[in-house]
Amino acid sequence: MALVRCKQCGGDVASNAAACPKCGAPPPRGIRLGRLFGIAGIVTFCFVAWVMAQSPDGDGAAPAAARRMPDAKQVEIRALLAEYTDNEVRADAAFKGKLIQTTGVVDDVKRDVLNTVYVVVGTGKQYEVRRVQCFVDEDNANTVASLTKGRRVTIRGRVKGLMMNVLVEDCELVEL
């Protein structure tokens, strides 16, 4: 049981008391400062984790164009999404860090909180839970700007892993 200050008389009131024992005023209610800091901490942690997952690895790797390999593994989008839905660990072993090429239907074109352009591609089914989220560099932003929902595209990029969607970085549009 914690003590709080009465707003009327300044006396100490038990947090679970119905009224102040001195003046009869109801005790102050609302969110406590400790809870507020706890909630803010959790929100901050989640945001930082999300931003770190979206940002480049920072390991001094070569620029995106230099990391690209000429031959990408052709992957059916349904197979890629099914693998990550069935077993993320197995899918990471098969795809993470590898250059893939797949064809799907544009579901969304946006910028994230870091202002990075991305395209969300799926199978075209309604109510898909998982999709492929392709991050595109600014040089390709004009090409991406011409896309519309429902259009079939072929993308090539390096699989980063799963975070709600299958993340693919260093993406380029192969066929529009």
N, C-alpha and C. Protein backbone atom coordinates (compact mmCIF):
# COMPACT_ATOMS: atom_id res chain seq x y z
N MET A 1 0.85 -1.17 0.00
CA MET A 1 0.00 0.00 0.00
C MET A 1 0.90 1.24 0.00
N ALA A 2 0.66 2.12 -0.95
CA ALA A 2 1.44 3.35 -1.08
C ALA A 2 0.64 4.52 -0.52
N LEU A 3 1.37 5.53 -0.10
CA LEU A 3 0.74 6.75 0.39
C LEU A 3 0.81 7.82 -0.69
N VAL A 4 -0.27 8.56 -0.83
CA VAL A 4 -0.31 9.68 -1.76
C VAL A 4 -0.74 10.92 -0.99
N ARG A 5 -0.44 12.08 -1.55
CA ARG A 5 -0.81 13.35 -0.90
C ARG A 5 -2.22 13.75 -1.32
N CYS A 6 -2.99 14.17 -0.36
CA CYS A 6 -4.34 14.67 -0.62
C CYS A 6 -4.22 16.03 -1.29
N LYS A 7 -4.97 16.26 -2.35
CA LYS A 7 -4.93 17.54 -3.05
C LYS A 7 -5.61 18.65 -2.26
N GLN A 8 -6.52 18.29 -1.35
CA GLN A 8 -7.27 19.30 -0.59
C GLN A 8 -6.48 19.80 0.63
N CYS A 9 -6.04 18.85 1.47
CA CYS A 9 -5.42 19.26 2.73
C CYS A 9 -3.93 18.96 2.81
N GLY A 10 -3.38 18.17 1.87
CA GLY A 10 -1.96 17.87 1.88
C GLY A 10 -1.59 16.72 2.78
N GLY A 11 -2.56 16.10 3.42
CA GLY A 11 -2.29 14.97 4.31
C GLY A 11 -2.00 13.69 3.53
N ASP A 12 -1.44 12.70 4.23
CA ASP A 12 -1.16 11.40 3.62
C ASP A 12 -2.42 10.56 3.57
N VAL A 13 -2.65 9.94 2.39
CA VAL A 13 -3.82 9.10 2.18
C VAL A 13 -3.34 7.78 1.58
N ALA A 14 -3.85 6.67 2.11
CA ALA A 14 -3.51 5.37 1.54
C ALA A 14 -4.08 5.30 0.12
N SER A 15 -3.30 4.70 -0.80
CA SER A 15 -3.73 4.66 -2.20
C SER A 15 -5.01 3.86 -2.40
N ASN A 16 -5.30 2.95 -1.49
CA ASN A 16 -6.52 2.15 -1.62
C ASN A 16 -7.66 2.68 -0.75
N ALA A 17 -7.47 3.84 -0.12
CA ALA A 17 -8.51 4.41 0.74
C ALA A 17 -9.59 5.05 -0.12
N ALA A 18 -10.82 5.05 0.40
CA ALA A 18 -11.94 5.63 -0.31
C ALA A 18 -11.95 7.15 -0.20
N ALA A 19 -11.37 7.70 0.88
CA ALA A 19 -11.36 9.15 1.09
C ALA A 19 -10.23 9.51 2.04
N CYS A 20 -9.87 10.79 2.06
CA CYS A 20 -8.83 11.31 2.96
C CYS A 20 -9.36 11.23 4.39
N PRO A 21 -8.59 10.68 5.33
CA PRO A 21 -9.08 10.60 6.71
C PRO A 21 -9.21 11.97 7.39
N LYS A 22 -8.51 13.00 6.90
CA LYS A 22 -8.56 14.33 7.53
C LYS A 22 -9.73 15.17 7.00
N CYS A 23 -9.86 15.24 5.64
CA CYS A 23 -10.86 16.15 5.08
C CYS A 23 -11.99 15.45 4.34
N GLY A 24 -11.86 14.15 4.07
CA GLY A 24 -12.91 13.40 3.39
C GLY A 24 -12.88 13.49 1.88
N ALA A 25 -11.90 14.20 1.32
CA ALA A 25 -11.80 14.32 -0.15
C ALA A 25 -11.33 12.98 -0.75
N PRO A 26 -11.77 12.66 -1.97
CA PRO A 26 -11.31 11.42 -2.59
C PRO A 26 -9.80 11.51 -2.89
N PRO A 27 -9.09 10.39 -2.74
CA PRO A 27 -7.64 10.42 -3.02
C PRO A 27 -7.40 10.59 -4.53
N PRO A 28 -6.25 11.18 -4.89
CA PRO A 28 -5.95 11.35 -6.32
C PRO A 28 -5.82 9.99 -7.00
N ARG A 29 -6.38 9.89 -8.16
CA ARG A 29 -6.31 8.65 -8.95
C ARG A 29 -5.61 8.95 -10.26
N GLY A 30 -5.30 7.95 -10.97
CA GLY A 30 -4.67 8.13 -12.28
C GLY A 30 -3.42 7.27 -12.37
N ILE A 31 -2.71 7.44 -13.44
CA ILE A 31 -1.54 6.62 -13.68
C ILE A 31 -0.39 7.14 -12.82
N ARG A 32 0.31 6.24 -12.18
CA ARG A 32 1.42 6.61 -11.32
C ARG A 32 2.65 6.84 -12.18
N LEU A 33 3.54 7.66 -11.67
CA LEU A 33 4.75 8.04 -12.40
C LEU A 33 5.59 6.82 -12.74
N GLY A 34 5.70 5.86 -11.83
CA GLY A 34 6.48 4.64 -12.08
C GLY A 34 5.92 3.84 -13.25
N ARG A 35 4.62 3.71 -13.29
CA ARG A 35 3.97 3.00 -14.40
C ARG A 35 4.19 3.74 -15.71
N LEU A 36 4.08 5.06 -15.67
CA LEU A 36 4.27 5.87 -16.86
C LEU A 36 5.68 5.68 -17.42
N PHE A 37 6.70 5.70 -16.54
CA PHE A 37 8.07 5.48 -16.99
C PHE A 37 8.26 4.06 -17.51
N GLY A 38 7.61 3.10 -16.91
CA GLY A 38 7.70 1.71 -17.38
C GLY A 38 7.11 1.56 -18.78
N ILE A 39 5.94 2.13 -19.00
CA ILE A 39 5.31 2.07 -20.32
C ILE A 39 6.16 2.80 -21.35
N ALA A 40 6.68 3.98 -20.98
CA ALA A 40 7.54 4.73 -21.91
C ALA A 40 8.80 3.94 -22.24
N GLY A 41 9.35 3.24 -21.26
CA GLY A 41 10.54 2.42 -21.49
C GLY A 41 10.27 1.28 -22.46
N ILE A 42 9.14 0.63 -22.30
CA ILE A 42 8.78 -0.49 -23.18
C ILE A 42 8.57 0.02 -24.60
N VAL A 43 7.85 1.12 -24.76
CA VAL A 43 7.62 1.70 -26.09
C VAL A 43 8.95 2.10 -26.73
N THR A 44 9.83 2.73 -25.96
CA THR A 44 11.13 3.14 -26.48
C THR A 44 11.95 1.92 -26.90
N PHE A 45 11.97 0.88 -26.08
CA PHE A 45 12.71 -0.34 -26.42
C PHE A 45 12.19 -0.95 -27.71
N CYS A 46 10.89 -1.05 -27.87
CA CYS A 46 10.30 -1.62 -29.08
C CYS A 46 10.66 -0.78 -30.30
N PHE A 47 10.61 0.53 -30.17
CA PHE A 47 10.93 1.41 -31.31
C PHE A 47 12.40 1.25 -31.69
N VAL A 48 13.29 1.25 -30.70
CA VAL A 48 14.72 1.11 -31.00
C VAL A 48 15.00 -0.24 -31.65
N ALA A 49 14.38 -1.31 -31.17
CA ALA A 49 14.57 -2.63 -31.77
C ALA A 49 14.08 -2.64 -33.21
N TRP A 50 12.96 -2.00 -33.46
CA TRP A 50 12.43 -1.95 -34.83
C TRP A 50 13.36 -1.16 -35.74
N VAL A 51 13.84 0.00 -35.27
CA VAL A 51 14.73 0.83 -36.08
C VAL A 51 16.03 0.08 -36.37
N MET A 52 16.57 -0.61 -35.38
CA MET A 52 17.81 -1.36 -35.59
C MET A 52 17.61 -2.48 -36.61
N ALA A 53 16.45 -3.09 -36.60
CA ALA A 53 16.17 -4.16 -37.57
C ALA A 53 16.03 -3.61 -38.98
N GLN A 54 15.62 -2.34 -39.10
CA GLN A 54 15.44 -1.73 -40.41
C GLN A 54 16.73 -1.15 -40.97
N SER A 55 17.66 -0.77 -40.10
CA SER A 55 18.85 -0.06 -40.56
C SER A 55 19.91 -1.03 -41.05
N PRO A 56 20.87 -0.54 -41.85
CA PRO A 56 21.95 -1.40 -42.33
C PRO A 56 22.75 -1.96 -41.16
N ASP A 57 23.45 -3.06 -41.42
CA ASP A 57 24.17 -3.75 -40.37
C ASP A 57 25.31 -2.93 -39.78
N GLY A 58 25.89 -2.03 -40.55
CA GLY A 58 26.97 -1.21 -40.03
C GLY A 58 28.24 -1.99 -39.82
N ASP A 59 28.44 -3.08 -40.55
CA ASP A 59 29.61 -3.91 -40.35
C ASP A 59 30.73 -3.57 -41.32
N GLY A 60 30.64 -2.42 -41.99
CA GLY A 60 31.68 -2.01 -42.92
C GLY A 60 31.62 -2.77 -44.22
N ALA A 61 30.51 -3.38 -44.52
CA ALA A 61 30.38 -4.16 -45.76
C ALA A 61 30.42 -3.22 -46.95
N ALA A 62 30.64 -3.79 -48.09
CA ALA A 62 30.71 -3.01 -49.33
C ALA A 62 29.36 -2.38 -49.63
N PRO A 63 29.32 -1.35 -50.46
CA PRO A 63 28.05 -0.75 -50.85
C PRO A 63 27.12 -1.77 -51.49
N ALA A 64 25.83 -1.43 -51.51
CA ALA A 64 24.82 -2.37 -52.00
C ALA A 64 25.13 -2.88 -53.40
N ALA A 65 25.53 -2.02 -54.31
CA ALA A 65 25.80 -2.47 -55.67
C ALA A 65 26.97 -3.45 -55.71
N ALA A 66 27.97 -3.25 -54.87
CA ALA A 66 29.12 -4.14 -54.87
C ALA A 66 28.79 -5.49 -54.24
N ARG A 67 27.81 -5.54 -53.34
CA ARG A 67 27.46 -6.80 -52.68
C ARG A 67 26.59 -7.68 -53.56
N ARG A 68 25.95 -7.12 -54.57
CA ARG A 68 25.05 -7.90 -55.41
C ARG A 68 25.82 -8.92 -56.22
N MET A 69 25.27 -10.09 -56.31
CA MET A 69 25.87 -11.13 -57.13
C MET A 69 25.08 -11.18 -58.42
N PRO A 70 25.70 -11.59 -59.52
CA PRO A 70 25.01 -11.57 -60.80
C PRO A 70 23.85 -12.56 -60.86
N ASP A 71 23.95 -13.67 -60.18
CA ASP A 71 22.88 -14.66 -60.28
C ASP A 71 22.15 -14.81 -58.95
N ALA A 72 20.87 -14.50 -58.99
CA ALA A 72 20.03 -14.60 -57.81
C ALA A 72 19.28 -15.93 -57.86
N LYS A 73 18.99 -16.45 -56.69
CA LYS A 73 18.22 -17.69 -56.59
C LYS A 73 16.76 -17.36 -56.91
N GLN A 74 16.20 -18.05 -57.91
CA GLN A 74 14.79 -17.87 -58.26
C GLN A 74 13.94 -18.56 -57.20
N VAL A 75 13.03 -17.81 -56.59
CA VAL A 75 12.18 -18.35 -55.54
C VAL A 75 10.73 -17.97 -55.84
N GLU A 76 9.85 -18.94 -55.81
CA GLU A 76 8.42 -18.67 -55.95
C GLU A 76 7.96 -17.96 -54.68
N ILE A 77 7.25 -16.85 -54.80
CA ILE A 77 6.86 -16.05 -53.64
C ILE A 77 6.01 -16.86 -52.65
N ARG A 78 5.14 -17.74 -53.17
CA ARG A 78 4.32 -18.57 -52.27
C ARG A 78 5.20 -19.49 -51.44
N ALA A 79 6.26 -20.06 -52.07
CA ALA A 79 7.16 -20.96 -51.35
C ALA A 79 7.94 -20.20 -50.28
N LEU A 80 8.43 -18.99 -50.60
CA LEU A 80 9.17 -18.19 -49.64
C LEU A 80 8.31 -17.85 -48.42
N LEU A 81 7.11 -17.37 -48.67
CA LEU A 81 6.21 -17.00 -47.58
C LEU A 81 5.78 -18.22 -46.77
N ALA A 82 5.55 -19.35 -47.44
CA ALA A 82 5.16 -20.58 -46.74
C ALA A 82 6.29 -21.07 -45.84
N GLU A 83 7.53 -20.99 -46.32
CA GLU A 83 8.67 -21.42 -45.51
C GLU A 83 8.78 -20.57 -44.24
N TYR A 84 8.68 -19.26 -44.37
CA TYR A 84 8.78 -18.39 -43.19
C TYR A 84 7.57 -18.55 -42.27
N THR A 85 6.42 -18.88 -42.80
CA THR A 85 5.25 -19.11 -41.96
C THR A 85 5.38 -20.43 -41.20
N ASP A 86 5.91 -21.44 -41.86
CA ASP A 86 6.03 -22.77 -41.26
C ASP A 86 7.14 -22.86 -40.23
N ASN A 87 8.35 -22.34 -40.56
CA ASN A 87 9.49 -22.49 -39.66
C ASN A 87 10.51 -21.41 -39.97
N GLU A 88 10.52 -20.37 -39.17
CA GLU A 88 11.41 -19.23 -39.41
C GLU A 88 12.88 -19.61 -39.36
N VAL A 89 13.26 -20.48 -38.44
CA VAL A 89 14.67 -20.87 -38.30
C VAL A 89 15.14 -21.60 -39.55
N ARG A 90 14.33 -22.53 -40.03
CA ARG A 90 14.69 -23.27 -41.26
C ARG A 90 14.73 -22.33 -42.46
N ALA A 91 13.77 -21.41 -42.54
CA ALA A 91 13.73 -20.46 -43.65
C ALA A 91 14.95 -19.53 -43.62
N ASP A 92 15.35 -19.08 -42.44
CA ASP A 92 16.55 -18.25 -42.33
C ASP A 92 17.78 -19.01 -42.83
N ALA A 93 17.87 -20.28 -42.47
CA ALA A 93 19.01 -21.09 -42.91
C ALA A 93 19.03 -21.19 -44.44
N ALA A 94 17.88 -21.24 -45.05
CA ALA A 94 17.80 -21.39 -46.50
C ALA A 94 17.93 -20.06 -47.26
N PHE A 95 17.45 -18.96 -46.68
CA PHE A 95 17.35 -17.72 -47.44
C PHE A 95 18.11 -16.51 -46.88
N LYS A 96 18.29 -16.43 -45.57
CA LYS A 96 18.86 -15.23 -44.96
C LYS A 96 20.27 -14.96 -45.51
N GLY A 97 20.46 -13.70 -45.94
CA GLY A 97 21.75 -13.30 -46.48
C GLY A 97 21.95 -13.65 -47.94
N LYS A 98 21.00 -14.36 -48.51
CA LYS A 98 21.13 -14.80 -49.91
C LYS A 98 20.36 -13.87 -50.84
N LEU A 99 20.87 -13.76 -52.05
CA LEU A 99 20.23 -12.95 -53.08
C LEU A 99 19.14 -13.79 -53.73
N ILE A 100 17.92 -13.24 -53.74
CA ILE A 100 16.79 -13.97 -54.34
C ILE A 100 16.12 -13.10 -55.39
N GLN A 101 15.36 -13.75 -56.23
CA GLN A 101 14.52 -13.05 -57.20
C GLN A 101 13.16 -13.72 -57.16
N THR A 102 12.13 -12.91 -57.05
CA THR A 102 10.78 -13.45 -56.98
C THR A 102 9.81 -12.48 -57.64
N THR A 103 8.67 -13.01 -58.02
CA THR A 103 7.64 -12.21 -58.67
C THR A 103 6.38 -12.23 -57.81
N GLY A 104 5.78 -11.06 -57.64
CA GLY A 104 4.56 -10.98 -56.85
C GLY A 104 3.74 -9.77 -57.25
N VAL A 105 2.71 -9.52 -56.45
CA VAL A 105 1.77 -8.44 -56.71
C VAL A 105 2.01 -7.31 -55.71
N VAL A 106 2.14 -6.09 -56.20
CA VAL A 106 2.37 -4.93 -55.34
C VAL A 106 1.16 -4.71 -54.44
N ASP A 107 1.44 -4.62 -53.13
CA ASP A 107 0.37 -4.36 -52.18
C ASP A 107 0.48 -2.95 -51.60
N ASP A 108 1.70 -2.42 -51.51
CA ASP A 108 1.90 -1.10 -50.92
C ASP A 108 3.24 -0.54 -51.35
N VAL A 109 3.34 0.78 -51.41
CA VAL A 109 4.59 1.50 -51.67
C VAL A 109 4.64 2.63 -50.66
N LYS A 110 5.67 2.64 -49.80
CA LYS A 110 5.72 3.62 -48.71
C LYS A 110 7.14 4.00 -48.36
N ARG A 111 7.26 4.84 -47.34
CA ARG A 111 8.54 5.17 -46.70
C ARG A 111 8.40 4.81 -45.23
N ASP A 112 9.49 4.30 -44.63
CA ASP A 112 9.45 3.97 -43.21
C ASP A 112 9.84 5.19 -42.37
N VAL A 113 9.99 5.02 -41.07
CA VAL A 113 10.30 6.15 -40.18
C VAL A 113 11.67 6.74 -40.46
N LEU A 114 12.55 5.98 -41.10
CA LEU A 114 13.87 6.50 -41.47
C LEU A 114 13.87 7.07 -42.88
N ASN A 115 12.68 7.20 -43.48
CA ASN A 115 12.48 7.75 -44.81
C ASN A 115 13.01 6.84 -45.92
N THR A 116 13.15 5.56 -45.64
CA THR A 116 13.60 4.59 -46.64
C THR A 116 12.39 4.10 -47.43
N VAL A 117 12.53 4.07 -48.74
CA VAL A 117 11.45 3.64 -49.62
C VAL A 117 11.36 2.11 -49.58
N TYR A 118 10.12 1.60 -49.51
CA TYR A 118 9.94 0.15 -49.59
C TYR A 118 8.68 -0.19 -50.36
N VAL A 119 8.69 -1.40 -50.91
CA VAL A 119 7.55 -1.93 -51.66
C VAL A 119 7.14 -3.22 -50.98
N VAL A 120 5.85 -3.39 -50.72
CA VAL A 120 5.34 -4.64 -50.14
C VAL A 120 4.73 -5.45 -51.27
N VAL A 121 5.21 -6.68 -51.41
CA VAL A 121 4.78 -7.56 -52.50
C VAL A 121 4.22 -8.84 -51.89
N GLY A 122 3.10 -9.30 -52.41
CA GLY A 122 2.48 -10.53 -51.93
C GLY A 122 2.06 -11.42 -53.08
N THR A 123 1.25 -12.40 -52.75
CA THR A 123 0.77 -13.34 -53.78
C THR A 123 -0.45 -12.80 -54.52
N GLY A 124 -1.06 -11.78 -53.96
CA GLY A 124 -2.26 -11.23 -54.56
C GLY A 124 -3.52 -11.66 -53.84
N LYS A 125 -3.38 -12.60 -52.90
CA LYS A 125 -4.55 -13.03 -52.12
C LYS A 125 -4.99 -11.90 -51.20
N GLN A 126 -6.28 -11.89 -50.91
CA GLN A 126 -6.81 -10.94 -49.96
C GLN A 126 -6.49 -11.42 -48.55
N TYR A 127 -6.18 -10.52 -47.63
CA TYR A 127 -5.91 -10.82 -46.22
C TYR A 127 -4.66 -11.68 -46.01
N GLU A 128 -3.59 -11.37 -46.70
CA GLU A 128 -2.33 -12.08 -46.46
C GLU A 128 -1.71 -11.58 -45.16
N VAL A 129 -1.24 -12.52 -44.36
CA VAL A 129 -0.60 -12.15 -43.10
C VAL A 129 0.85 -11.77 -43.37
N ARG A 130 1.56 -12.60 -44.09
CA ARG A 130 2.96 -12.35 -44.42
C ARG A 130 3.09 -11.93 -45.88
N ARG A 131 4.00 -10.99 -46.07
CA ARG A 131 4.33 -10.55 -47.42
C ARG A 131 5.83 -10.29 -47.47
N VAL A 132 6.32 -9.92 -48.62
CA VAL A 132 7.73 -9.59 -48.78
C VAL A 132 7.83 -8.06 -48.80
N GLN A 133 8.69 -7.53 -47.94
CA GLN A 133 8.89 -6.09 -47.84
C GLN A 133 10.28 -5.77 -48.40
N CYS A 134 10.31 -5.09 -49.55
CA CYS A 134 11.55 -4.82 -50.29
C CYS A 134 12.00 -3.39 -50.07
N PHE A 135 13.18 -3.21 -49.51
CA PHE A 135 13.74 -1.88 -49.27
C PHE A 135 14.56 -1.46 -50.47
N VAL A 136 14.27 -0.26 -50.98
CA VAL A 136 14.86 0.25 -52.21
C VAL A 136 15.68 1.50 -51.88
N ASP A 137 16.83 1.67 -52.53
CA ASP A 137 17.62 2.88 -52.29
C ASP A 137 17.02 4.07 -53.04
N GLU A 138 17.46 5.27 -52.67
CA GLU A 138 16.89 6.50 -53.23
C GLU A 138 17.06 6.57 -54.75
N ASP A 139 18.11 5.94 -55.29
CA ASP A 139 18.32 5.97 -56.74
C ASP A 139 17.17 5.33 -57.50
N ASN A 140 16.48 4.38 -56.88
CA ASN A 140 15.38 3.68 -57.53
C ASN A 140 14.01 4.19 -57.09
N ALA A 141 13.99 5.27 -56.31
CA ALA A 141 12.72 5.79 -55.78
C ALA A 141 11.78 6.23 -56.89
N ASN A 142 12.31 6.81 -57.95
CA ASN A 142 11.44 7.25 -59.06
C ASN A 142 10.79 6.07 -59.75
N THR A 143 11.52 4.97 -59.92
CA THR A 143 10.95 3.77 -60.53
C THR A 143 9.83 3.21 -59.65
N VAL A 144 10.08 3.19 -58.35
CA VAL A 144 9.09 2.67 -57.40
C VAL A 144 7.86 3.58 -57.36
N ALA A 145 8.07 4.87 -57.55
CA ALA A 145 6.95 5.81 -57.52
C ALA A 145 5.94 5.54 -58.63
N SER A 146 6.35 4.86 -59.68
CA SER A 146 5.44 4.58 -60.79
C SER A 146 4.58 3.34 -60.55
N LEU A 147 4.86 2.60 -59.47
CA LEU A 147 4.10 1.37 -59.20
C LEU A 147 2.71 1.68 -58.66
N THR A 148 1.78 0.77 -58.93
CA THR A 148 0.43 0.86 -58.38
C THR A 148 0.06 -0.47 -57.76
N LYS A 149 -0.86 -0.42 -56.80
CA LYS A 149 -1.33 -1.65 -56.16
C LYS A 149 -1.92 -2.58 -57.20
N GLY A 150 -1.62 -3.87 -57.04
CA GLY A 150 -2.17 -4.88 -57.93
C GLY A 150 -1.29 -5.19 -59.13
N ARG A 151 -0.24 -4.41 -59.33
CA ARG A 151 0.65 -4.63 -60.46
C ARG A 151 1.64 -5.75 -60.15
N ARG A 152 1.90 -6.61 -61.13
CA ARG A 152 2.87 -7.69 -60.97
C ARG A 152 4.27 -7.16 -61.22
N VAL A 153 5.19 -7.47 -60.30
CA VAL A 153 6.58 -7.04 -60.44
C VAL A 153 7.51 -8.19 -60.07
N THR A 154 8.71 -8.14 -60.62
CA THR A 154 9.76 -9.07 -60.23
C THR A 154 10.82 -8.25 -59.51
N ILE A 155 11.18 -8.71 -58.32
CA ILE A 155 12.17 -7.99 -57.51
C ILE A 155 13.37 -8.90 -57.27
N ARG A 156 14.51 -8.26 -57.03
CA ARG A 156 15.72 -8.98 -56.67
C ARG A 156 16.33 -8.27 -55.48
N GLY A 157 16.74 -9.04 -54.47
CA GLY A 157 17.35 -8.45 -53.29
C GLY A 157 17.86 -9.50 -52.34
N ARG A 158 18.47 -9.04 -51.25
CA ARG A 158 19.08 -9.93 -50.26
C ARG A 158 18.14 -10.07 -49.06
N VAL A 159 17.81 -11.31 -48.71
CA VAL A 159 16.89 -11.59 -47.60
C VAL A 159 17.56 -11.24 -46.28
N LYS A 160 16.87 -10.45 -45.49
CA LYS A 160 17.37 -10.03 -44.18
C LYS A 160 16.78 -10.86 -43.05
N GLY A 161 15.62 -11.45 -43.28
CA GLY A 161 14.97 -12.25 -42.24
C GLY A 161 13.51 -11.88 -42.11
N LEU A 162 12.93 -12.27 -40.98
CA LEU A 162 11.51 -12.05 -40.74
C LEU A 162 11.30 -11.07 -39.61
N MET A 163 10.48 -10.06 -39.87
CA MET A 163 9.99 -9.16 -38.83
C MET A 163 8.62 -8.72 -39.29
N MET A 164 7.63 -9.50 -38.96
CA MET A 164 6.26 -9.39 -39.46
C MET A 164 6.22 -9.82 -40.93
N ASN A 165 6.93 -9.11 -41.81
CA ASN A 165 7.05 -9.50 -43.21
C ASN A 165 8.44 -10.09 -43.44
N VAL A 166 8.64 -10.73 -44.58
CA VAL A 166 9.97 -11.18 -44.97
C VAL A 166 10.68 -9.95 -45.51
N LEU A 167 11.75 -9.52 -44.83
CA LEU A 167 12.46 -8.32 -45.21
C LEU A 167 13.52 -8.64 -46.25
N VAL A 168 13.53 -7.85 -47.31
CA VAL A 168 14.52 -8.01 -48.38
C VAL A 168 15.14 -6.63 -48.60
N GLU A 169 16.47 -6.55 -48.47
CA GLU A 169 17.15 -5.27 -48.62
C GLU A 169 17.91 -5.21 -49.94
N ASP A 170 18.40 -4.04 -50.26
CA ASP A 170 19.14 -3.80 -51.52
C ASP A 170 18.30 -4.24 -52.71
N CYS A 171 17.02 -3.96 -52.69
CA CYS A 171 16.11 -4.41 -53.74
C CYS A 171 16.23 -3.58 -55.00
N GLU A 172 16.00 -4.27 -56.09
CA GLU A 172 15.87 -3.61 -57.37
C GLU A 172 14.71 -4.26 -58.10
N LEU A 173 14.03 -3.47 -58.90
CA LEU A 173 12.92 -3.99 -59.69
C LEU A 173 13.51 -4.52 -60.98
N VAL A 174 13.31 -5.81 -61.22
CA VAL A 174 13.86 -6.46 -62.42
C VAL A 174 12.90 -6.32 -63.58
N GLU A 175 11.63 -6.61 -63.32
CA GLU A 175 10.61 -6.50 -64.36
C GLU A 175 9.41 -5.76 -63.80
N LEU A 176 8.89 -4.86 -64.60
CA LEU A 176 7.68 -4.12 -64.19
C LEU A 176 6.50 -4.61 -64.98
